[in-house]
Amino acid sequence: MQLRKALVESTRPRVIRAWPKPETEHSPHPADRHVGKQIAIVRVQSDVSQAQLARSIGISFQQLQKYENARNRVSASMLYEIGRSLDVRVSRFFEGLPGNETSREAPPLPVDERLDFIASAEGRRLIAGLMHLPSRVRGRVAAIIAALGEELAGLDANRCAEARDEHLPADRKIG
């Protein structure tokens, strides 16, 4: 009887934890999405354009876009070339991937809002327009945008200080 019970238990299917299935047959696997996003993050943090990275690894920038958006899977050899070109370990592209944790607590990867903007239609239009400008003019436009950002940040800081002062008693207000 015990032998029969053991045989039945050994033939039962084991529960294996796996990634959730993509929404559709053609949806990218979550691991492919993660690796693609990490390629984009490292590239942006390294201040390298898609065209520059693509050229350095011998592919078209459209192909690199497909890797970053997980429309195409990245082969191991291509991931190696991308890592070499960006001067990072291949394992960097898998950091933060669920199930890829190490014994020590890995810090969470920073979320870079620039990637979401660059991937948006507005971001692509802006970049396409900037690319039509001579590099000297692009540099000036970048300086203007940076100055506007600093000015707006200063205005926001002043508004916060004023709002804070409104809630203080009269004898504690500055100025």
C-alpha atoms as a PDB file:
ATOM      1  CA  MET A   1       0.000   0.000   0.000  1.00  0.00           C
ATOM      2  CA  GLN A   2       2.797   2.426   0.883  1.00  0.00           C
ATOM      3  CA  LEU A   3       4.622   1.605  -2.349  1.00  0.00           C
ATOM      4  CA  ARG A   4       1.452   2.312  -4.337  1.00  0.00           C
ATOM      5  CA  LYS A   5       0.967   5.640  -2.509  1.00  0.00           C
ATOM      6  CA  ALA A   6       4.593   6.603  -3.231  1.00  0.00           C
ATOM      7  CA  LEU A   7       4.178   5.757  -6.919  1.00  0.00           C
ATOM      8  CA  VAL A   8       1.010   7.868  -7.184  1.00  0.00           C
ATOM      9  CA  GLU A   9       2.690  10.822  -5.464  1.00  0.00           C
ATOM     10  CA  SER A  10       5.778  10.579  -7.676  1.00  0.00           C
ATOM     11  CA  THR A  11       3.672  10.752 -10.840  1.00  0.00           C
ATOM     12  CA  ARG A  12       1.711  13.828  -9.743  1.00  0.00           C
ATOM     13  CA  PRO A  13       2.742  16.974 -11.543  1.00  0.00           C
ATOM     14  CA  ARG A  14       4.932  19.249  -9.458  1.00  0.00           C
ATOM     15  CA  VAL A  15       3.983  22.851  -8.926  1.00  0.00           C
ATOM     16  CA  ILE A  16       6.605  24.968 -10.645  1.00  0.00           C
ATOM     17  CA  ARG A  17       6.629  28.687 -10.153  1.00  0.00           C
ATOM     18  CA  ALA A  18       6.913  30.471 -13.436  1.00  0.00           C
ATOM     19  CA  TRP A  19       6.492  33.941 -14.856  1.00  0.00           C
ATOM     20  CA  PRO A  20       2.929  34.929 -15.581  1.00  0.00           C
ATOM     21  CA  LYS A  21       2.059  34.338 -19.206  1.00  0.00           C
ATOM     22  CA  PRO A  22       2.140  37.421 -21.441  1.00  0.00           C
ATOM     23  CA  GLU A  23      -1.251  38.999 -22.149  1.00  0.00           C
ATOM     24  CA  THR A  24      -1.222  37.750 -25.734  1.00  0.00           C
ATOM     25  CA  GLU A  25       0.806  35.271 -27.699  1.00  0.00           C
ATOM     26  CA  HIS A  26       2.865  38.105 -29.158  1.00  0.00           C
ATOM     27  CA  SER A  27       3.460  40.035 -25.930  1.00  0.00           C
ATOM     28  CA  PRO A  28       7.066  40.149 -24.776  1.00  0.00           C
ATOM     29  CA  HIS A  29       8.112  38.074 -21.790  1.00  0.00           C
ATOM     30  CA  PRO A  30       8.519  40.107 -18.574  1.00  0.00           C
ATOM     31  CA  ALA A  31      12.220  39.171 -18.431  1.00  0.00           C
ATOM     32  CA  ASP A  32      12.728  40.506 -21.980  1.00  0.00           C
ATOM     33  CA  ARG A  33      10.973  43.749 -20.972  1.00  0.00           C
ATOM     34  CA  HIS A  34      13.195  44.053 -17.907  1.00  0.00           C
ATOM     35  CA  VAL A  35      16.429  43.459 -19.830  1.00  0.00           C
ATOM     36  CA  GLY A  36      15.376  45.909 -22.563  1.00  0.00           C
ATOM     37  CA  LYS A  37      14.559  48.586 -20.012  1.00  0.00           C
ATOM     38  CA  GLN A  38      17.899  48.018 -18.261  1.00  0.00           C
ATOM     39  CA  ILE A  39      19.741  48.422 -21.576  1.00  0.00           C
ATOM     40  CA  ALA A  40      17.964  51.763 -22.054  1.00  0.00           C
ATOM     41  CA  ILE A  41      18.692  52.878 -18.476  1.00  0.00           C
ATOM     42  CA  VAL A  42      22.397  52.062 -18.689  1.00  0.00           C
ATOM     43  CA  ARG A  43      22.631  53.700 -22.119  1.00  0.00           C
ATOM     44  CA  VAL A  44      20.976  56.929 -20.925  1.00  0.00           C
ATOM     45  CA  GLN A  45      23.033  56.968 -17.708  1.00  0.00           C
ATOM     46  CA  SER A  46      26.158  56.569 -19.862  1.00  0.00           C
ATOM     47  CA  ASP A  47      24.977  59.508 -21.998  1.00  0.00           C
ATOM     48  CA  VAL A  48      25.061  57.393 -25.164  1.00  0.00           C
ATOM     49  CA  SER A  49      22.444  57.773 -27.901  1.00  0.00           C
ATOM     50  CA  GLN A  50      20.702  54.821 -29.504  1.00  0.00           C
ATOM     51  CA  ALA A  51      22.499  55.595 -32.756  1.00  0.00           C
ATOM     52  CA  GLN A  52      25.921  55.647 -31.058  1.00  0.00           C
ATOM     53  CA  LEU A  53      25.377  52.362 -29.221  1.00  0.00           C
ATOM     54  CA  ALA A  54      23.901  50.679 -32.291  1.00  0.00           C
ATOM     55  CA  ARG A  55      26.866  51.787 -34.403  1.00  0.00           C
ATOM     56  CA  SER A  56      29.360  50.531 -31.814  1.00  0.00           C
ATOM     57  CA  ILE A  57      27.810  47.041 -31.746  1.00  0.00           C
ATOM     58  CA  GLY A  58      27.134  46.815 -35.468  1.00  0.00           C
ATOM     59  CA  ILE A  59      23.331  46.980 -35.649  1.00  0.00           C
ATOM     60  CA  SER A  60      20.788  49.560 -36.792  1.00  0.00           C
ATOM     61  CA  PHE A  61      19.357  51.958 -34.233  1.00  0.00           C
ATOM     62  CA  GLN A  62      15.904  50.565 -35.103  1.00  0.00           C
ATOM     63  CA  GLN A  63      17.097  47.121 -33.998  1.00  0.00           C
ATOM     64  CA  LEU A  64      18.384  48.601 -30.731  1.00  0.00           C
ATOM     65  CA  GLN A  65      14.976  50.265 -30.228  1.00  0.00           C
ATOM     66  CA  LYS A  66      13.353  46.854 -30.656  1.00  0.00           C
ATOM     67  CA  TYR A  67      15.694  45.393 -28.014  1.00  0.00           C
ATOM     68  CA  GLU A  68      14.946  48.238 -25.583  1.00  0.00           C
ATOM     69  CA  ASN A  69      11.180  47.960 -26.145  1.00  0.00           C
ATOM     70  CA  ALA A  70      11.326  44.128 -25.941  1.00  0.00           C
ATOM     71  CA  ARG A  71       9.840  43.728 -29.406  1.00  0.00           C
ATOM     72  CA  ASN A  72      12.889  41.566 -30.196  1.00  0.00           C
ATOM     73  CA  ARG A  73      14.795  39.365 -27.765  1.00  0.00           C
ATOM     74  CA  VAL A  74      18.456  40.094 -27.150  1.00  0.00           C
ATOM     75  CA  SER A  75      20.770  37.151 -27.716  1.00  0.00           C
ATOM     76  CA  ALA A  76      23.499  36.348 -25.189  1.00  0.00           C
ATOM     77  CA  SER A  77      26.238  37.394 -27.611  1.00  0.00           C
ATOM     78  CA  MET A  78      24.490  40.698 -28.352  1.00  0.00           C
ATOM     79  CA  LEU A  79      23.969  41.351 -24.646  1.00  0.00           C
ATOM     80  CA  TYR A  80      27.685  40.709 -24.173  1.00  0.00           C
ATOM     81  CA  GLU A  81      28.527  43.236 -26.915  1.00  0.00           C
ATOM     82  CA  ILE A  82      26.144  45.827 -25.448  1.00  0.00           C
ATOM     83  CA  GLY A  83      27.687  45.384 -21.993  1.00  0.00           C
ATOM     84  CA  ARG A  84      31.188  45.645 -23.428  1.00  0.00           C
ATOM     85  CA  SER A  85      30.303  48.778 -25.357  1.00  0.00           C
ATOM     86  CA  LEU A  86      28.694  50.435 -22.302  1.00  0.00           C
ATOM     87  CA  ASP A  87      31.471  49.159 -20.011  1.00  0.00           C
ATOM     88  CA  VAL A  88      29.164  47.215 -17.675  1.00  0.00           C
ATOM     89  CA  ARG A  89      28.918  43.559 -16.663  1.00  0.00           C
ATOM     90  CA  VAL A  90      26.247  41.540 -18.483  1.00  0.00           C
ATOM     91  CA  SER A  91      24.727  40.743 -15.085  1.00  0.00           C
ATOM     92  CA  ARG A  92      23.893  44.474 -14.746  1.00  0.00           C
ATOM     93  CA  PHE A  93      21.029  43.986 -17.212  1.00  0.00           C
ATOM     94  CA  PHE A  94      19.467  41.355 -14.928  1.00  0.00           C
ATOM     95  CA  GLU A  95      19.756  43.307 -11.657  1.00  0.00           C
ATOM     96  CA  GLY A  96      16.390  43.793 -10.001  1.00  0.00           C
ATOM     97  CA  LEU A  97      14.812  40.986 -12.014  1.00  0.00           C
ATOM     98  CA  PRO A  98      12.424  39.015  -9.771  1.00  0.00           C
ATOM     99  CA  GLY A  99      13.929  35.646  -8.930  1.00  0.00           C
ATOM    100  CA  ASN A 100      17.440  36.910  -9.642  1.00  0.00           C
ATOM    101  CA  GLU A 101      18.121  38.108  -6.109  1.00  0.00           C
ATOM    102  CA  THR A 102      21.427  37.390  -4.449  1.00  0.00           C
ATOM    103  CA  SER A 103      22.038  36.610  -0.794  1.00  0.00           C
ATOM    104  CA  ARG A 104      22.834  40.232  -0.022  1.00  0.00           C
ATOM    105  CA  GLU A 105      20.108  42.834  -0.314  1.00  0.00           C
ATOM    106  CA  ALA A 106      20.449  44.556  -3.689  1.00  0.00           C
ATOM    107  CA  PRO A 107      19.428  48.217  -3.753  1.00  0.00           C
ATOM    108  CA  PRO A 108      16.463  48.958  -6.032  1.00  0.00           C
ATOM    109  CA  LEU A 109      17.309  50.329  -9.434  1.00  0.00           C
ATOM    110  CA  PRO A 110      16.607  54.014  -9.919  1.00  0.00           C
ATOM    111  CA  VAL A 111      13.593  54.838 -12.030  1.00  0.00           C
ATOM    112  CA  ASP A 112      14.649  57.256 -14.688  1.00  0.00           C
ATOM    113  CA  GLU A 113      11.743  59.443 -15.849  1.00  0.00           C
ATOM    114  CA  ARG A 114      13.818  60.497 -18.850  1.00  0.00           C
ATOM    115  CA  LEU A 115      13.322  57.064 -20.402  1.00  0.00           C
ATOM    116  CA  ASP A 116       9.549  57.335 -20.247  1.00  0.00           C
ATOM    117  CA  PHE A 117       9.711  60.787 -21.854  1.00  0.00           C
ATOM    118  CA  ILE A 118      12.152  59.673 -24.560  1.00  0.00           C
ATOM    119  CA  ALA A 119       9.898  56.720 -25.351  1.00  0.00           C
ATOM    120  CA  SER A 120       6.817  58.954 -25.623  1.00  0.00           C
ATOM    121  CA  ALA A 121       5.644  60.422 -28.924  1.00  0.00           C
ATOM    122  CA  GLU A 122       6.354  63.931 -27.606  1.00  0.00           C
ATOM    123  CA  GLY A 123       9.895  62.963 -26.640  1.00  0.00           C
ATOM    124  CA  ARG A 124      10.610  61.353 -29.999  1.00  0.00           C
ATOM    125  CA  ARG A 125       9.272  64.456 -31.821  1.00  0.00           C
ATOM    126  CA  LEU A 126      11.422  66.728 -29.682  1.00  0.00           C
ATOM    127  CA  ILE A 127      14.541  64.653 -30.250  1.00  0.00           C
ATOM    128  CA  ALA A 128      13.860  64.407 -34.002  1.00  0.00           C
ATOM    129  CA  GLY A 129      13.476  68.194 -34.164  1.00  0.00           C
ATOM    130  CA  LEU A 130      16.657  68.750 -32.165  1.00  0.00           C
ATOM    131  CA  MET A 131      18.597  66.385 -34.424  1.00  0.00           C
ATOM    132  CA  HIS A 132      17.790  68.634 -37.412  1.00  0.00           C
ATOM    133  CA  LEU A 133      19.525  71.566 -35.702  1.00  0.00           C
ATOM    134  CA  PRO A 134      23.269  72.194 -36.009  1.00  0.00           C
ATOM    135  CA  SER A 135      25.150  70.919 -32.929  1.00  0.00           C
ATOM    136  CA  ARG A 136      26.063  74.448 -31.818  1.00  0.00           C
ATOM    137  CA  VAL A 137      22.390  75.480 -31.844  1.00  0.00           C
ATOM    138  CA  ARG A 138      21.426  72.230 -30.049  1.00  0.00           C
ATOM    139  CA  GLY A 139      23.881  73.148 -27.294  1.00  0.00           C
ATOM    140  CA  ARG A 140      22.293  76.566 -26.918  1.00  0.00           C
ATOM    141  CA  VAL A 141      18.777  75.101 -26.865  1.00  0.00           C
ATOM    142  CA  ALA A 142      19.914  72.662 -24.153  1.00  0.00           C
ATOM    143  CA  ALA A 143      21.328  75.570 -22.123  1.00  0.00           C
ATOM    144  CA  ILE A 144      18.044  77.489 -22.457  1.00  0.00           C
ATOM    145  CA  ILE A 145      16.037  74.450 -21.335  1.00  0.00           C
ATOM    146  CA  ALA A 146      18.370  73.932 -18.345  1.00  0.00           C
ATOM    147  CA  ALA A 147      18.046  77.609 -17.372  1.00  0.00           C
ATOM    148  CA  LEU A 148      14.243  77.427 -17.629  1.00  0.00           C
ATOM    149  CA  GLY A 149      14.235  74.331 -15.440  1.00  0.00           C
ATOM    150  CA  GLU A 150      16.357  76.062 -12.790  1.00  0.00           C
ATOM    151  CA  GLU A 151      14.139  79.152 -12.914  1.00  0.00           C
ATOM    152  CA  LEU A 152      10.968  77.079 -12.499  1.00  0.00           C
ATOM    153  CA  ALA A 153      12.526  75.073  -9.659  1.00  0.00           C
ATOM    154  CA  GLY A 154      13.381  78.361  -7.914  1.00  0.00           C
ATOM    155  CA  LEU A 155       9.828  79.635  -8.353  1.00  0.00           C
ATOM    156  CA  ASP A 156       8.439  76.394  -6.915  1.00  0.00           C
ATOM    157  CA  ALA A 157      10.778  76.650  -3.919  1.00  0.00           C
ATOM    158  CA  ASN A 158       9.644  80.245  -3.279  1.00  0.00           C
ATOM    159  CA  ARG A 159       5.967  79.214  -3.456  1.00  0.00           C
ATOM    160  CA  CYS A 160       6.586  76.416  -0.959  1.00  0.00           C
ATOM    161  CA  ALA A 161       8.356  78.826   1.427  1.00  0.00           C
ATOM    162  CA  GLU A 162       5.513  81.361   1.121  1.00  0.00           C
ATOM    163  CA  ALA A 163       2.896  78.682   1.766  1.00  0.00           C
ATOM    164  CA  ARG A 164       4.847  77.513   4.809  1.00  0.00           C
ATOM    165  CA  ASP A 165       5.073  81.091   6.139  1.00  0.00           C
ATOM    166  CA  GLU A 166       1.293  81.576   5.812  1.00  0.00           C
ATOM    167  CA  HIS A 167       0.745  78.865   8.427  1.00  0.00           C
ATOM    168  CA  LEU A 168       3.189  80.354  10.977  1.00  0.00           C
ATOM    169  CA  PRO A 169       2.096  82.696  13.796  1.00  0.00           C
ATOM    170  CA  ALA A 170       2.858  86.388  13.082  1.00  0.00           C
ATOM    171  CA  ASP A 171       5.756  86.492  15.566  1.00  0.00           C
ATOM    172  CA  ARG A 172       7.507  83.525  13.840  1.00  0.00           C
ATOM    173  CA  LYS A 173       7.303  84.745  10.223  1.00  0.00           C
ATOM    174  CA  ILE A 174      10.537  85.624   8.459  1.00  0.00           C
ATOM    175  CA  GLY A 175      10.850  89.028   6.793  1.00  0.00           C
END
